[in-house]
């Protein structure tokens, strides 16, 4: 049969003259979850990338408009996560100070989560799990 790319499409069109190329755009919302690990080896931080939600769009224009709206949501979610993280750190510091304890008394905390939006040809393209051991 015909070769890669355009040759394959041309061969298909000889059989199905009214064929259209299969295309879709997905707007995907991701959460990047940070974590702390390995205090026994000096510690390190890593992150997992999790697909939170996605929506399929039939045109790039519709997907781009949706991406812009979802980006605003992602910015709000990131700010909320940062505020919650900082409030938690402040509460831990206050707790330690009330008891006259050093910061090393509590274990290291993971960082705040962040959110991003991607326009993709298939959802979940950047899902990843960070390493849970020192490299």
Protein backbone atom coordinates (compact mmCIF):
# COMPACT_ATOMS: atom_id res chain seq x y z
CA UNK A 1 0.00 0.00 0.00
CA UNK A 2 0.99 3.63 -0.15
CA UNK A 3 3.71 5.07 2.09
CA UNK A 4 3.47 7.38 5.08
CA UNK A 5 1.62 10.68 5.50
CA UNK A 6 0.35 12.27 2.31
CA UNK A 7 0.68 9.08 0.25
CA UNK A 8 -1.56 7.21 2.68
CA UNK A 9 -4.12 10.01 2.62
CA UNK A 10 -4.05 10.11 -1.18
CA UNK A 11 -4.55 6.36 -1.36
CA UNK A 12 -7.48 6.59 1.03
CA UNK A 13 -9.05 9.40 -1.01
CA UNK A 14 -8.98 7.25 -4.14
CA UNK A 15 -11.28 4.82 -2.31
CA UNK A 16 -13.35 7.41 -0.41
CA UNK A 17 -13.48 10.62 -2.41
CA UNK A 18 -15.49 12.54 0.22
CA UNK A 19 -13.30 11.56 3.16
CA UNK A 20 -12.22 14.13 5.70
CA UNK A 21 -9.20 13.96 7.91
CA UNK A 22 -10.00 12.95 11.49
CA UNK A 23 -9.18 15.92 13.68
CA UNK A 24 -10.20 17.14 17.07
CA UNK A 25 -8.82 19.55 19.61
CA UNK A 26 -8.99 19.02 23.34
CA UNK A 27 -8.70 21.65 26.02
CA UNK A 28 -7.11 19.92 29.01
CA UNK A 29 -6.74 21.18 32.57
CA UNK A 30 -3.78 19.75 34.49
CA UNK A 31 -2.76 19.90 38.13
CA UNK A 32 0.94 19.73 38.99
CA UNK A 33 1.13 18.22 42.47
CA UNK A 34 4.43 18.84 44.20
CA UNK A 35 5.78 16.56 46.88
CA UNK A 36 8.78 16.27 49.16
CA UNK A 37 10.60 13.00 49.57
CA UNK A 38 13.68 11.33 50.91
CA UNK A 39 14.60 13.12 54.12
CA UNK A 40 16.94 10.23 54.88
CA UNK A 41 19.01 11.16 51.80
CA UNK A 42 18.97 14.93 52.21
CA UNK A 43 15.57 15.42 50.61
CA UNK A 44 14.31 16.34 47.20
CA UNK A 45 11.15 17.68 45.61
CA UNK A 46 9.26 16.30 42.67
CA UNK A 47 5.89 16.63 41.03
CA UNK A 48 3.16 14.59 39.41
CA UNK A 49 1.12 15.92 36.51
CA UNK A 50 -2.52 14.88 36.71
CA UNK A 51 -5.22 15.36 34.08
CA UNK A 52 -8.12 17.01 35.94
CA UNK A 53 -10.61 17.43 33.09
CA UNK A 54 -10.81 17.86 29.34
CA UNK A 55 -13.30 18.88 26.67
CA UNK A 56 -13.33 17.97 22.98
CA UNK A 57 -13.87 20.66 20.34
CA UNK A 58 -14.43 20.15 16.63
CA UNK A 59 -12.59 23.30 15.57
CA UNK A 60 -9.33 24.89 16.62
CA UNK A 61 -11.08 28.26 16.94
CA UNK A 62 -13.60 26.94 19.48
CA UNK A 63 -10.83 25.15 21.39
CA UNK A 64 -8.66 28.27 21.53
CA UNK A 65 -11.56 30.36 22.87
CA UNK A 66 -12.26 27.74 25.53
CA UNK A 67 -8.57 27.48 26.39
CA UNK A 68 -8.45 31.20 27.12
CA UNK A 69 -11.44 30.92 29.48
CA UNK A 70 -10.04 27.83 31.21
CA UNK A 71 -6.67 29.59 31.61
CA UNK A 72 -8.39 32.16 33.82
CA UNK A 73 -9.78 29.31 35.93
CA UNK A 74 -6.34 27.69 36.12
CA UNK A 75 -4.84 30.98 37.30
CA UNK A 76 -7.50 31.25 40.04
CA UNK A 77 -6.96 27.64 41.11
CA UNK A 78 -3.18 28.15 41.27
CA UNK A 79 -3.60 31.29 43.35
CA UNK A 80 -5.98 29.48 45.70
CA UNK A 81 -3.56 26.58 46.06
CA UNK A 82 -0.68 28.96 46.77
CA UNK A 83 -2.72 30.89 49.35
CA UNK A 84 -3.70 27.63 51.08
CA UNK A 85 -0.08 26.45 51.07
CA UNK A 86 1.19 29.72 52.56
CA UNK A 87 -1.58 29.73 55.19
CA UNK A 88 -0.61 26.19 56.17
CA UNK A 89 3.04 27.15 56.48
CA UNK A 90 2.14 30.18 58.58
CA UNK A 91 -0.03 28.04 60.88
CA UNK A 92 2.80 25.53 61.34
CA UNK A 93 5.25 28.33 62.14
CA UNK A 94 2.85 29.78 64.70
CA UNK A 95 2.35 26.35 66.27
CA UNK A 96 6.12 25.84 66.54
CA UNK A 97 6.66 29.32 67.98
CA UNK A 98 3.96 28.82 70.63
CA UNK A 99 5.80 25.73 71.81
CA UNK A 100 9.33 27.10 71.49
CA UNK A 101 10.27 24.45 68.91
CA UNK A 102 12.70 24.71 66.01
CA UNK A 103 11.47 24.46 62.43
CA UNK A 104 13.24 21.09 62.13
CA UNK A 105 10.75 19.61 64.62
CA UNK A 106 8.18 19.14 61.83
CA UNK A 107 8.84 17.25 58.61
CA UNK A 108 9.42 19.17 55.38
CA UNK A 109 6.18 20.02 53.63
CA UNK A 110 5.34 19.56 49.97
CA UNK A 111 4.93 22.69 47.88
CA UNK A 112 1.73 24.14 46.50
CA UNK A 113 -0.05 22.68 43.51
CA UNK A 114 -0.25 24.63 40.26
CA UNK A 115 -2.68 24.37 37.35
CA UNK A 116 -2.06 24.67 33.63
CA UNK A 117 -4.13 24.42 30.46
CA UNK A 118 -3.09 22.75 27.23
CA UNK A 119 -4.55 22.51 23.76
CA UNK A 120 -3.95 18.92 22.66
CA UNK A 121 -4.76 16.48 19.89
CA UNK A 122 -5.59 13.89 22.55
CA UNK A 123 -6.20 14.42 26.27
CA UNK A 124 -3.58 13.43 28.80
CA UNK A 125 -0.50 13.95 26.66
CA UNK A 126 1.60 15.28 29.55
CA UNK A 127 0.38 13.09 32.42
CA UNK A 128 3.41 11.97 34.42
CA UNK A 129 4.39 10.62 37.79
CA UNK A 130 7.55 11.89 39.43
CA UNK A 131 10.19 9.64 40.90
CA UNK A 132 9.66 8.65 44.52
CA UNK A 133 13.30 7.80 45.15
CA UNK A 134 16.49 9.83 45.13
CA UNK A 135 18.19 9.91 41.71
